[in-house]
């Protein structure tokens, strides 16, 4: 079997489904009429694993595109931006962490250019995230981080 997009996708779905199924087996299943905490995770992970098997069968029987080498630097840039977001969330607060995430991830694009419109769009998005997640949904995420005591951080 050649390494095609279907093989990679099917293998990924199958692996995630099997691992999730093994983890979900620790919870009581219950019955369809009185579902336990493991019922939904077991069903979803089993369906994900079956989907992976179906995609692998399609890859075996059909012709799908071979995987081409892609640029790997954007993958590292976006992953780094997400990791930095996780580390900076408590230290800078949600709006600034989202702003850095947006700008950092955008630099992975070959069409990225510094412009006031891009920075303004990222700033508006970060403010909207702060209002939506902290103010409206009440998530316990700081708006102002611990590195910014002058702005009223605890």
Protein backbone atom coordinates (compact mmCIF):
# COMPACT_ATOMS: atom_id res chain seq x y z
CA UNK A 1 0.00 0.00 0.00
CA UNK A 2 1.42 3.38 -1.01
CA UNK A 3 1.47 6.28 1.40
CA UNK A 4 -1.53 8.27 0.21
CA UNK A 5 -3.72 10.86 1.86
CA UNK A 6 -6.35 8.21 2.60
CA UNK A 7 -3.82 5.93 4.28
CA UNK A 8 -2.58 8.69 6.56
CA UNK A 9 -6.07 9.96 7.37
CA UNK A 10 -7.49 6.48 7.93
CA UNK A 11 -4.55 5.47 10.10
CA UNK A 12 -4.87 8.64 12.16
CA UNK A 13 -8.62 8.15 12.68
CA UNK A 14 -8.11 4.49 13.57
CA UNK A 15 -5.31 5.25 16.04
CA UNK A 16 -7.21 8.05 17.77
CA UNK A 17 -10.38 5.95 17.88
CA UNK A 18 -8.62 2.93 19.40
CA UNK A 19 -6.75 5.01 22.02
CA UNK A 20 -9.94 6.88 22.97
CA UNK A 21 -11.84 3.58 23.13
CA UNK A 22 -9.25 2.07 25.45
CA UNK A 23 -9.43 5.15 27.69
CA UNK A 24 -13.25 5.16 27.67
CA UNK A 25 -13.45 1.52 28.74
CA UNK A 26 -12.47 2.62 32.26
CA UNK A 27 -15.90 4.23 32.69
CA UNK A 28 -19.15 2.32 33.26
CA UNK A 29 -21.08 1.78 30.03
CA UNK A 30 -24.63 1.59 31.33
CA UNK A 31 -27.50 0.73 28.99
CA UNK A 32 -29.04 2.62 26.07
CA UNK A 33 -31.98 3.48 28.35
CA UNK A 34 -29.78 4.54 31.26
CA UNK A 35 -26.45 5.60 29.83
CA UNK A 36 -23.37 5.62 32.00
CA UNK A 37 -20.50 8.10 31.71
CA UNK A 38 -18.65 5.80 29.30
CA UNK A 39 -21.50 5.23 26.84
CA UNK A 40 -21.03 8.31 24.66
CA UNK A 41 -17.19 8.23 24.55
CA UNK A 42 -17.20 4.51 23.71
CA UNK A 43 -19.74 4.97 20.90
CA UNK A 44 -17.96 7.99 19.41
CA UNK A 45 -14.49 6.42 19.60
CA UNK A 46 -15.79 3.17 18.10
CA UNK A 47 -17.40 5.12 15.24
CA UNK A 48 -14.15 7.04 14.71
CA UNK A 49 -12.17 3.78 14.56
CA UNK A 50 -14.70 2.28 12.11
CA UNK A 51 -14.45 5.42 9.97
CA UNK A 52 -10.67 4.97 9.94
CA UNK A 53 -11.04 1.36 8.85
CA UNK A 54 -13.43 2.47 6.09
CA UNK A 55 -10.99 5.08 4.84
CA UNK A 56 -8.16 2.52 4.88
CA UNK A 57 -10.32 0.14 2.83
CA UNK A 58 -11.06 2.94 0.37
CA UNK A 59 -7.33 3.61 0.12
CA UNK A 60 -6.69 -0.07 -0.56
CA UNK A 61 -9.38 -0.38 -3.22
CA UNK A 62 -9.26 3.03 -4.85
CA UNK A 63 -6.79 5.54 -6.12
CA UNK A 64 -6.11 8.54 -3.97
CA UNK A 65 -3.43 11.18 -4.30
CA UNK A 66 0.06 10.48 -3.12
CA UNK A 67 1.29 12.72 -0.36
CA UNK A 68 3.58 15.42 -1.65
CA UNK A 69 6.29 17.00 0.40
CA UNK A 70 5.04 20.22 1.88
CA UNK A 71 6.72 23.13 3.49
CA UNK A 72 7.32 22.23 7.12
CA UNK A 73 8.19 25.67 8.48
CA UNK A 74 4.53 26.87 8.66
CA UNK A 75 3.72 23.80 10.75
CA UNK A 76 6.42 24.72 13.26
CA UNK A 77 5.44 28.41 13.28
CA UNK A 78 1.74 27.74 13.93
CA UNK A 79 2.54 25.07 16.54
CA UNK A 80 4.95 27.46 18.25
CA UNK A 81 2.34 30.22 18.26
CA UNK A 82 -0.20 27.89 19.90
CA UNK A 83 2.34 26.76 22.52
CA UNK A 84 3.30 30.39 23.22
CA UNK A 85 -0.40 31.22 23.62
CA UNK A 86 -0.74 28.49 26.23
CA UNK A 87 2.26 29.74 28.18
CA UNK A 88 1.39 33.44 27.92
CA UNK A 89 -2.34 33.25 28.66
CA UNK A 90 -1.99 33.72 32.43
CA UNK A 91 0.97 36.07 32.16
CA UNK A 92 -0.42 38.53 29.59
CA UNK A 93 -4.17 37.94 29.76
CA UNK A 94 -6.51 36.67 27.09
CA UNK A 95 -6.62 39.68 24.72
CA UNK A 96 -2.84 40.08 24.44
CA UNK A 97 -2.25 36.32 24.19
CA UNK A 98 -4.84 36.05 21.39
CA UNK A 99 -3.28 39.03 19.63
CA UNK A 100 0.17 37.39 19.70
CA UNK A 101 -1.35 34.08 18.59
CA UNK A 102 -3.06 35.68 15.59
CA UNK A 103 -0.02 37.63 14.47
CA UNK A 104 2.36 34.74 15.17
CA UNK A 105 0.29 32.22 13.25
CA UNK A 106 -0.25 34.66 10.38
CA UNK A 107 3.50 34.91 9.81
CA UNK A 108 3.40 31.29 8.57
CA UNK A 109 1.63 32.42 5.39
CA UNK A 110 3.65 33.20 2.30
CA UNK A 111 1.31 36.16 1.71
CA UNK A 112 1.80 37.69 5.17
CA UNK A 113 2.59 41.41 5.19
CA UNK A 114 2.70 43.82 8.08
CA UNK A 115 -0.12 46.30 7.65
CA UNK A 116 -2.26 48.34 9.96
CA UNK A 117 -5.36 46.50 8.72
CA UNK A 118 -3.99 43.10 9.74
CA UNK A 119 -2.92 44.29 13.18
CA UNK A 120 -6.22 46.14 13.69
CA UNK A 121 -8.17 43.01 12.69
CA UNK A 122 -6.18 40.88 15.12
CA UNK A 123 -6.69 43.49 17.86
CA UNK A 124 -10.45 43.61 17.30
CA UNK A 125 -10.58 39.80 17.28
CA UNK A 126 -8.66 39.62 20.55
CA UNK A 127 -10.98 42.15 22.21
CA UNK A 128 -14.03 40.23 20.97
CA UNK A 129 -12.54 37.00 22.39
CA UNK A 130 -12.03 38.71 25.73
CA UNK A 131 -15.58 40.00 25.83
CA UNK A 132 -17.09 36.72 24.63
CA UNK A 133 -15.17 34.22 26.73
CA UNK A 134 -14.51 36.15 29.94
CA UNK A 135 -17.38 38.62 30.23
CA UNK A 136 -20.29 36.84 28.53
CA UNK A 137 -19.42 33.17 29.12
CA UNK A 138 -17.74 33.77 32.47
CA UNK A 139 -14.68 31.60 31.87
CA UNK A 140 -12.01 32.01 34.56
CA UNK A 141 -9.39 33.46 32.22
CA UNK A 142 -7.64 36.70 33.17
CA UNK A 143 -8.20 39.71 30.95
CA UNK A 144 -5.02 41.29 32.33
CA UNK A 145 -2.13 38.97 33.11
CA UNK A 146 0.27 38.78 36.01
CA UNK A 147 3.07 40.40 33.99
CA UNK A 148 1.06 43.61 33.71
CA UNK A 149 0.55 44.87 37.29
CA UNK A 150 0.26 48.50 36.14
CA UNK A 151 -2.96 47.63 34.30
CA UNK A 152 -4.63 46.22 37.39
CA UNK A 153 -3.49 42.62 37.27
CA UNK A 154 -3.78 40.70 40.54
